Amino acid sequence: MSLITAEEAKIQRASTEEQIRSCHRVMKQLRPHLTDEQAFVEQVQRQLAEGYHLVYCQDGGEARAIAGFRFLEFLAWGKVLYIDDLITDSETRRSGHGGKLLKWVIEQGKKAKCDQIHLDSGPQRHDAHRLYLNHGFKIIGHHFALEPV
């Protein structure tokens, strides 16, 4: 597969039900528990109302990479763009969609005058880690979670 050019792929914000629905197939690759498409649409709509942004890189009429992010403020880091979700379609990995989308998200953080950009990534996602490190991200800690709350 050849690398994409700027003219071949465009980045769009998903705000309509149809746009959100078009992201489901790829998002499921990152979040396999999101099997129900309508439940996914409804959850994204709730999160959009709370400041979540869902964007996608479209190529050939299909969503090829998806990113979800929000702006937060922390005492520890200041104003942060936090990337909740970032996934490239498994059928088109290594074609440039994920890198293009990540650069676009980073640019949004710069435009918003964020102090930092953060994300968490599963330890098994080695290709994703390579992408993040190649874009200047540094591993700064461990993420802990407790269930149930």
N, C-alpha and C. Protein backbone atom coordinates (compact mmCIF):
# COMPACT_ATOMS: atom_id res chain seq x y z
N MET A 1 0.85 -1.18 0.00
CA MET A 1 0.00 0.00 0.00
C MET A 1 0.89 1.24 0.00
N SER A 2 0.54 2.21 -0.81
CA SER A 2 1.35 3.42 -0.90
C SER A 2 0.91 4.44 0.15
N LEU A 3 1.81 5.35 0.43
CA LEU A 3 1.49 6.41 1.40
C LEU A 3 0.48 7.36 0.79
N ILE A 4 -0.35 7.94 1.65
CA ILE A 4 -1.36 8.88 1.20
C ILE A 4 -0.72 10.23 0.92
N THR A 5 -1.38 11.04 0.13
CA THR A 5 -0.98 12.43 -0.07
C THR A 5 -2.03 13.30 0.59
N ALA A 6 -1.69 14.57 0.79
CA ALA A 6 -2.62 15.50 1.45
C ALA A 6 -3.93 15.61 0.69
N GLU A 7 -3.87 15.49 -0.64
CA GLU A 7 -5.08 15.62 -1.45
C GLU A 7 -5.97 14.37 -1.34
N GLU A 8 -5.36 13.22 -1.04
CA GLU A 8 -6.10 11.96 -1.04
C GLU A 8 -6.92 11.74 0.23
N ALA A 9 -6.49 12.29 1.32
CA ALA A 9 -7.17 12.04 2.59
C ALA A 9 -7.49 13.37 3.25
N LYS A 10 -8.66 13.43 3.85
CA LYS A 10 -9.02 14.66 4.55
C LYS A 10 -9.48 14.34 5.96
N ILE A 11 -9.28 15.31 6.84
CA ILE A 11 -9.66 15.13 8.24
C ILE A 11 -10.95 15.88 8.47
N GLN A 12 -11.88 15.19 9.11
CA GLN A 12 -13.20 15.75 9.39
C GLN A 12 -13.56 15.54 10.84
N ARG A 13 -14.36 16.45 11.37
CA ARG A 13 -14.92 16.28 12.70
C ARG A 13 -16.21 15.47 12.55
N ALA A 14 -16.40 14.52 13.43
CA ALA A 14 -17.63 13.73 13.44
C ALA A 14 -18.60 14.39 14.40
N SER A 15 -19.67 14.94 13.87
CA SER A 15 -20.66 15.58 14.73
C SER A 15 -22.07 15.06 14.44
N THR A 16 -22.34 14.68 13.21
CA THR A 16 -23.67 14.15 12.89
C THR A 16 -23.71 12.66 13.22
N GLU A 17 -24.93 12.14 13.36
CA GLU A 17 -25.08 10.72 13.64
C GLU A 17 -24.43 9.88 12.54
N GLU A 18 -24.58 10.27 11.30
CA GLU A 18 -23.99 9.52 10.18
C GLU A 18 -22.46 9.52 10.25
N GLN A 19 -21.87 10.67 10.58
CA GLN A 19 -20.42 10.75 10.68
C GLN A 19 -19.91 9.90 11.84
N ILE A 20 -20.59 9.96 12.97
CA ILE A 20 -20.19 9.16 14.13
C ILE A 20 -20.30 7.68 13.78
N ARG A 21 -21.39 7.31 13.15
CA ARG A 21 -21.62 5.92 12.76
C ARG A 21 -20.50 5.43 11.83
N SER A 22 -20.01 6.30 10.95
CA SER A 22 -18.96 5.92 10.00
C SER A 22 -17.64 5.61 10.71
N CYS A 23 -17.49 6.04 11.95
CA CYS A 23 -16.26 5.79 12.73
C CYS A 23 -16.31 4.48 13.50
N HIS A 24 -17.47 3.90 13.63
CA HIS A 24 -17.65 2.74 14.50
C HIS A 24 -16.78 1.56 14.10
N ARG A 25 -16.73 1.21 12.82
CA ARG A 25 -15.98 0.03 12.38
C ARG A 25 -14.51 0.11 12.78
N VAL A 26 -13.90 1.28 12.64
CA VAL A 26 -12.49 1.43 12.99
C VAL A 26 -12.32 1.54 14.51
N MET A 27 -13.19 2.28 15.18
CA MET A 27 -13.07 2.43 16.63
C MET A 27 -13.18 1.08 17.34
N LYS A 28 -13.99 0.17 16.80
CA LYS A 28 -14.13 -1.16 17.39
C LYS A 28 -12.81 -1.91 17.42
N GLN A 29 -11.89 -1.57 16.52
CA GLN A 29 -10.59 -2.23 16.49
C GLN A 29 -9.76 -1.85 17.71
N LEU A 30 -9.98 -0.66 18.25
CA LEU A 30 -9.30 -0.20 19.46
C LEU A 30 -10.11 -0.56 20.70
N ARG A 31 -11.41 -0.43 20.61
CA ARG A 31 -12.32 -0.65 21.72
C ARG A 31 -13.28 -1.79 21.38
N PRO A 32 -12.82 -3.05 21.42
CA PRO A 32 -13.65 -4.17 20.97
C PRO A 32 -14.94 -4.38 21.75
N HIS A 33 -15.03 -3.80 22.94
CA HIS A 33 -16.27 -3.93 23.72
C HIS A 33 -17.41 -3.08 23.14
N LEU A 34 -17.08 -2.18 22.21
CA LEU A 34 -18.10 -1.30 21.61
C LEU A 34 -18.74 -2.00 20.40
N THR A 35 -19.42 -3.10 20.65
CA THR A 35 -19.97 -3.90 19.56
C THR A 35 -21.26 -3.32 18.99
N ASP A 36 -22.05 -2.66 19.82
CA ASP A 36 -23.35 -2.14 19.40
C ASP A 36 -23.17 -0.76 18.79
N GLU A 37 -23.41 -0.65 17.48
CA GLU A 37 -23.20 0.60 16.77
C GLU A 37 -24.07 1.74 17.31
N GLN A 38 -25.34 1.47 17.58
CA GLN A 38 -26.23 2.53 18.07
C GLN A 38 -25.81 2.99 19.46
N ALA A 39 -25.40 2.06 20.32
CA ALA A 39 -24.92 2.44 21.65
C ALA A 39 -23.65 3.30 21.53
N PHE A 40 -22.79 2.96 20.57
CA PHE A 40 -21.58 3.76 20.31
C PHE A 40 -21.97 5.18 19.91
N VAL A 41 -22.90 5.32 18.99
CA VAL A 41 -23.34 6.64 18.53
C VAL A 41 -23.87 7.45 19.71
N GLU A 42 -24.70 6.83 20.54
CA GLU A 42 -25.29 7.54 21.68
C GLU A 42 -24.23 7.94 22.70
N GLN A 43 -23.26 7.07 22.95
CA GLN A 43 -22.20 7.42 23.90
C GLN A 43 -21.35 8.56 23.37
N VAL A 44 -20.98 8.51 22.09
CA VAL A 44 -20.20 9.60 21.51
C VAL A 44 -20.98 10.91 21.59
N GLN A 45 -22.26 10.88 21.30
CA GLN A 45 -23.08 12.09 21.38
C GLN A 45 -23.07 12.66 22.80
N ARG A 46 -23.16 11.79 23.81
CA ARG A 46 -23.08 12.26 25.20
C ARG A 46 -21.72 12.90 25.48
N GLN A 47 -20.67 12.23 25.01
CA GLN A 47 -19.33 12.74 25.26
C GLN A 47 -19.07 14.04 24.50
N LEU A 48 -19.60 14.17 23.29
CA LEU A 48 -19.46 15.43 22.54
C LEU A 48 -20.05 16.59 23.34
N ALA A 49 -21.16 16.33 24.01
CA ALA A 49 -21.81 17.37 24.83
C ALA A 49 -20.95 17.76 26.02
N GLU A 50 -20.00 16.89 26.39
CA GLU A 50 -19.11 17.15 27.54
C GLU A 50 -17.72 17.62 27.12
N GLY A 51 -17.55 17.94 25.83
CA GLY A 51 -16.27 18.48 25.38
C GLY A 51 -15.37 17.53 24.62
N TYR A 52 -15.82 16.32 24.38
CA TYR A 52 -15.06 15.35 23.59
C TYR A 52 -15.13 15.75 22.12
N HIS A 53 -14.04 15.53 21.40
CA HIS A 53 -13.98 15.78 19.97
C HIS A 53 -13.66 14.46 19.29
N LEU A 54 -14.41 14.10 18.26
CA LEU A 54 -14.15 12.90 17.48
C LEU A 54 -13.83 13.34 16.06
N VAL A 55 -12.66 12.96 15.58
CA VAL A 55 -12.24 13.33 14.23
C VAL A 55 -11.76 12.08 13.50
N TYR A 56 -11.79 12.16 12.19
CA TYR A 56 -11.35 11.00 11.42
C TYR A 56 -10.69 11.44 10.13
N CYS A 57 -9.76 10.60 9.69
CA CYS A 57 -9.07 10.79 8.42
C CYS A 57 -9.80 9.91 7.42
N GLN A 58 -10.35 10.54 6.40
CA GLN A 58 -11.14 9.82 5.42
C GLN A 58 -10.34 9.68 4.13
N ASP A 59 -10.41 8.51 3.54
CA ASP A 59 -9.73 8.24 2.28
C ASP A 59 -10.59 7.25 1.50
N GLY A 60 -10.86 7.57 0.26
CA GLY A 60 -11.70 6.68 -0.55
C GLY A 60 -13.11 6.54 0.00
N GLY A 61 -13.60 7.57 0.66
CA GLY A 61 -14.96 7.56 1.20
C GLY A 61 -15.11 6.78 2.50
N GLU A 62 -14.00 6.30 3.06
CA GLU A 62 -14.04 5.51 4.29
C GLU A 62 -13.20 6.16 5.38
N ALA A 63 -13.63 6.02 6.63
CA ALA A 63 -12.81 6.45 7.76
C ALA A 63 -11.63 5.49 7.86
N ARG A 64 -10.41 6.02 7.86
CA ARG A 64 -9.21 5.18 7.90
C ARG A 64 -8.44 5.32 9.21
N ALA A 65 -8.60 6.44 9.89
CA ALA A 65 -7.99 6.65 11.21
C ALA A 65 -8.94 7.51 12.01
N ILE A 66 -9.04 7.22 13.31
CA ILE A 66 -9.98 7.90 14.21
C ILE A 66 -9.21 8.44 15.40
N ALA A 67 -9.57 9.64 15.84
CA ALA A 67 -9.01 10.19 17.08
C ALA A 67 -10.13 10.82 17.89
N GLY A 68 -10.08 10.59 19.19
CA GLY A 68 -10.98 11.24 20.12
C GLY A 68 -10.12 11.97 21.14
N PHE A 69 -10.46 13.22 21.41
CA PHE A 69 -9.65 13.99 22.35
C PHE A 69 -10.50 15.01 23.07
N ARG A 70 -9.92 15.58 24.12
CA ARG A 70 -10.59 16.64 24.89
C ARG A 70 -9.54 17.56 25.49
N PHE A 71 -9.96 18.72 25.88
CA PHE A 71 -9.08 19.69 26.54
C PHE A 71 -9.38 19.65 28.04
N LEU A 72 -8.32 19.55 28.84
CA LEU A 72 -8.43 19.47 30.29
C LEU A 72 -7.40 20.39 30.92
N GLU A 73 -7.56 20.66 32.20
CA GLU A 73 -6.57 21.44 32.91
C GLU A 73 -6.21 20.72 34.20
N PHE A 74 -4.90 20.63 34.46
CA PHE A 74 -4.37 19.91 35.62
C PHE A 74 -3.43 20.82 36.39
N LEU A 75 -3.39 20.66 37.70
CA LEU A 75 -2.38 21.37 38.49
C LEU A 75 -0.98 20.91 38.09
N ALA A 76 -0.84 19.63 37.78
CA ALA A 76 0.47 19.06 37.48
C ALA A 76 1.03 19.51 36.13
N TRP A 77 0.17 19.67 35.11
CA TRP A 77 0.67 19.90 33.76
C TRP A 77 0.12 21.15 33.08
N GLY A 78 -0.84 21.82 33.68
CA GLY A 78 -1.45 22.97 33.04
C GLY A 78 -2.53 22.54 32.06
N LYS A 79 -2.69 23.30 30.99
CA LYS A 79 -3.71 23.00 29.99
C LYS A 79 -3.19 21.88 29.09
N VAL A 80 -4.02 20.83 28.96
CA VAL A 80 -3.61 19.62 28.26
C VAL A 80 -4.65 19.25 27.21
N LEU A 81 -4.19 18.86 26.06
CA LEU A 81 -5.04 18.15 25.10
C LEU A 81 -4.80 16.67 25.41
N TYR A 82 -5.85 15.98 25.81
CA TYR A 82 -5.74 14.56 26.15
C TYR A 82 -6.36 13.74 25.03
N ILE A 83 -5.58 12.84 24.46
CA ILE A 83 -6.05 11.96 23.40
C ILE A 83 -6.60 10.69 24.05
N ASP A 84 -7.92 10.56 23.99
CA ASP A 84 -8.60 9.38 24.54
C ASP A 84 -8.41 8.17 23.63
N ASP A 85 -8.53 8.40 22.34
CA ASP A 85 -8.58 7.32 21.37
C ASP A 85 -7.78 7.72 20.14
N LEU A 86 -6.99 6.79 19.62
CA LEU A 86 -6.30 7.00 18.34
C LEU A 86 -6.06 5.63 17.73
N ILE A 87 -6.66 5.39 16.58
CA ILE A 87 -6.55 4.08 15.93
C ILE A 87 -6.57 4.26 14.42
N THR A 88 -5.77 3.47 13.74
CA THR A 88 -5.79 3.39 12.28
C THR A 88 -6.41 2.06 11.89
N ASP A 89 -7.23 2.06 10.87
CA ASP A 89 -7.85 0.86 10.35
C ASP A 89 -6.78 -0.19 10.07
N SER A 90 -6.99 -1.39 10.55
CA SER A 90 -5.99 -2.46 10.37
C SER A 90 -5.73 -2.76 8.90
N GLU A 91 -6.68 -2.48 8.03
CA GLU A 91 -6.52 -2.74 6.60
C GLU A 91 -5.61 -1.71 5.92
N THR A 92 -5.42 -0.56 6.54
CA THR A 92 -4.63 0.50 5.89
C THR A 92 -3.50 1.02 6.76
N ARG A 93 -3.07 0.23 7.75
CA ARG A 93 -1.96 0.67 8.59
C ARG A 93 -0.70 0.83 7.76
N ARG A 94 0.17 1.71 8.22
CA ARG A 94 1.46 2.01 7.57
C ARG A 94 1.28 2.75 6.24
N SER A 95 0.12 3.37 6.06
CA SER A 95 -0.10 4.14 4.84
C SER A 95 -0.12 5.64 5.11
N GLY A 96 0.09 6.04 6.36
CA GLY A 96 0.20 7.46 6.69
C GLY A 96 -1.02 8.10 7.32
N HIS A 97 -2.12 7.39 7.39
CA HIS A 97 -3.35 7.99 7.94
C HIS A 97 -3.20 8.35 9.42
N GLY A 98 -2.65 7.42 10.21
CA GLY A 98 -2.50 7.68 11.65
C GLY A 98 -1.55 8.83 11.92
N GLY A 99 -0.44 8.87 11.22
CA GLY A 99 0.52 9.96 11.39
C GLY A 99 -0.06 11.31 11.00
N LYS A 100 -0.80 11.33 9.90
CA LYS A 100 -1.45 12.57 9.46
C LYS A 100 -2.44 13.05 10.52
N LEU A 101 -3.24 12.13 11.04
CA LEU A 101 -4.24 12.49 12.04
C LEU A 101 -3.58 12.94 13.33
N LEU A 102 -2.53 12.25 13.76
CA LEU A 102 -1.83 12.65 14.98
C LEU A 102 -1.23 14.04 14.83
N LYS A 103 -0.62 14.34 13.69
CA LYS A 103 -0.07 15.69 13.45
C LYS A 103 -1.18 16.73 13.54
N TRP A 104 -2.35 16.42 12.98
CA TRP A 104 -3.47 17.36 13.01
C TRP A 104 -3.92 17.60 14.45
N VAL A 105 -4.02 16.54 15.25
CA VAL A 105 -4.43 16.68 16.65
C VAL A 105 -3.40 17.50 17.42
N ILE A 106 -2.13 17.24 17.21
CA ILE A 106 -1.07 18.02 17.86
C ILE A 106 -1.21 19.49 17.51
N GLU A 107 -1.52 19.78 16.26
CA GLU A 107 -1.70 21.17 15.83
C GLU A 107 -2.88 21.83 16.56
N GLN A 108 -3.93 21.06 16.84
CA GLN A 108 -5.07 21.61 17.60
C GLN A 108 -4.63 22.00 19.00
N GLY A 109 -3.76 21.19 19.61
CA GLY A 109 -3.22 21.52 20.93
C GLY A 109 -2.41 22.80 20.90
N LYS A 110 -1.61 22.97 19.85
CA LYS A 110 -0.82 24.20 19.70
C LYS A 110 -1.72 25.41 19.51
N LYS A 111 -2.73 25.27 18.66
CA LYS A 111 -3.67 26.39 18.42
C LYS A 111 -4.40 26.79 19.70
N ALA A 112 -4.70 25.80 20.54
CA ALA A 112 -5.42 26.07 21.79
C ALA A 112 -4.47 26.49 22.91
N LYS A 113 -3.19 26.64 22.57
CA LYS A 113 -2.16 27.06 23.53
C LYS A 113 -2.07 26.11 24.73
N CYS A 114 -2.14 24.81 24.43
CA CYS A 114 -1.97 23.81 25.48
C CYS A 114 -0.51 23.76 25.92
N ASP A 115 -0.32 23.46 27.18
CA ASP A 115 1.03 23.29 27.71
C ASP A 115 1.61 21.94 27.32
N GLN A 116 0.74 20.92 27.22
CA GLN A 116 1.18 19.57 26.90
C GLN A 116 0.07 18.82 26.18
N ILE A 117 0.47 17.70 25.56
CA ILE A 117 -0.47 16.76 24.97
C ILE A 117 -0.18 15.41 25.62
N HIS A 118 -1.23 14.74 26.08
CA HIS A 118 -1.08 13.47 26.79
C HIS A 118 -1.94 12.39 26.14
N LEU A 119 -1.53 11.15 26.35
CA LEU A 119 -2.34 9.99 25.98
C LEU A 119 -1.87 8.79 26.79
N ASP A 120 -2.72 7.81 26.90
CA ASP A 120 -2.36 6.51 27.49
C ASP A 120 -2.42 5.49 26.37
N SER A 121 -1.59 4.47 26.46
CA SER A 121 -1.57 3.44 25.43
C SER A 121 -1.33 2.08 26.07
N GLY A 122 -2.03 1.09 25.57
CA GLY A 122 -1.85 -0.27 26.08
C GLY A 122 -0.43 -0.76 25.84
N PRO A 123 0.12 -1.54 26.78
CA PRO A 123 1.51 -1.97 26.66
C PRO A 123 1.77 -2.86 25.45
N GLN A 124 0.75 -3.46 24.88
CA GLN A 124 0.92 -4.35 23.74
C GLN A 124 0.92 -3.62 22.40
N ARG A 125 0.65 -2.32 22.38
CA ARG A 125 0.48 -1.57 21.12
C ARG A 125 1.82 -1.00 20.64
N HIS A 126 2.74 -1.86 20.30
CA HIS A 126 4.10 -1.46 19.95
C HIS A 126 4.17 -0.53 18.73
N ASP A 127 3.36 -0.80 17.70
CA ASP A 127 3.37 0.07 16.52
C ASP A 127 2.89 1.48 16.89
N ALA A 128 1.88 1.54 17.75
CA ALA A 128 1.39 2.86 18.20
C ALA A 128 2.47 3.58 18.99
N HIS A 129 3.17 2.86 19.85
CA HIS A 129 4.24 3.48 20.65
C HIS A 129 5.31 4.06 19.74
N ARG A 130 5.65 3.34 18.69
CA ARG A 130 6.65 3.83 17.74
C ARG A 130 6.17 5.13 17.09
N LEU A 131 4.89 5.18 16.73
CA LEU A 131 4.32 6.40 16.14
C LEU A 131 4.43 7.56 17.13
N TYR A 132 4.05 7.33 18.38
CA TYR A 132 4.08 8.40 19.37
C TYR A 132 5.51 8.88 19.62
N LEU A 133 6.43 7.95 19.78
CA LEU A 133 7.83 8.32 20.01
C LEU A 133 8.40 9.08 18.81
N ASN A 134 8.03 8.67 17.61
CA ASN A 134 8.50 9.37 16.41
C ASN A 134 7.93 10.77 16.28
N HIS A 135 6.84 11.05 16.98
CA HIS A 135 6.24 12.39 16.99
C HIS A 135 6.65 13.19 18.22
N GLY A 136 7.63 12.70 18.98
CA GLY A 136 8.19 13.47 20.08
C GLY A 136 7.61 13.18 21.45
N PHE A 137 6.65 12.26 21.55
CA PHE A 137 6.11 11.92 22.86
C PHE A 137 7.16 11.19 23.67
N LYS A 138 7.07 11.34 24.99
CA LYS A 138 7.96 10.65 25.92
C LYS A 138 7.12 9.84 26.90
N ILE A 139 7.67 8.72 27.32
CA ILE A 139 7.00 7.90 28.33
C ILE A 139 7.31 8.53 29.68
N ILE A 140 6.25 9.01 30.38
CA ILE A 140 6.49 9.78 31.60
C ILE A 140 5.93 9.11 32.86
N GLY A 141 5.28 7.95 32.72
CA GLY A 141 4.75 7.34 33.93
C GLY A 141 3.95 6.10 33.63
N HIS A 142 3.27 5.61 34.64
CA HIS A 142 2.40 4.45 34.55
C HIS A 142 0.97 4.91 34.83
N HIS A 143 0.02 4.25 34.24
CA HIS A 143 -1.38 4.56 34.48
C HIS A 143 -1.96 3.44 35.34
N PHE A 144 -2.66 3.81 36.40
CA PHE A 144 -3.26 2.83 37.30
C PHE A 144 -4.77 2.96 37.27
N ALA A 145 -5.48 1.86 37.45
CA ALA A 145 -6.94 1.88 37.49
C ALA A 145 -7.43 0.92 38.55
N LEU A 146 -8.61 1.18 39.09
CA LEU A 146 -9.22 0.33 40.10
C LEU A 146 -10.65 0.03 39.69
N GLU A 147 -11.00 -1.25 39.67
CA GLU A 147 -12.37 -1.65 39.39
C GLU A 147 -12.85 -2.52 40.54
N PRO A 148 -14.06 -2.58 40.92
CA PRO A 148 -15.09 -1.60 40.58
C PRO A 148 -14.99 -0.36 41.48
N VAL A 149 -15.60 0.68 41.02
CA VAL A 149 -15.63 1.91 41.82
C VAL A 149 -16.99 2.13 42.38
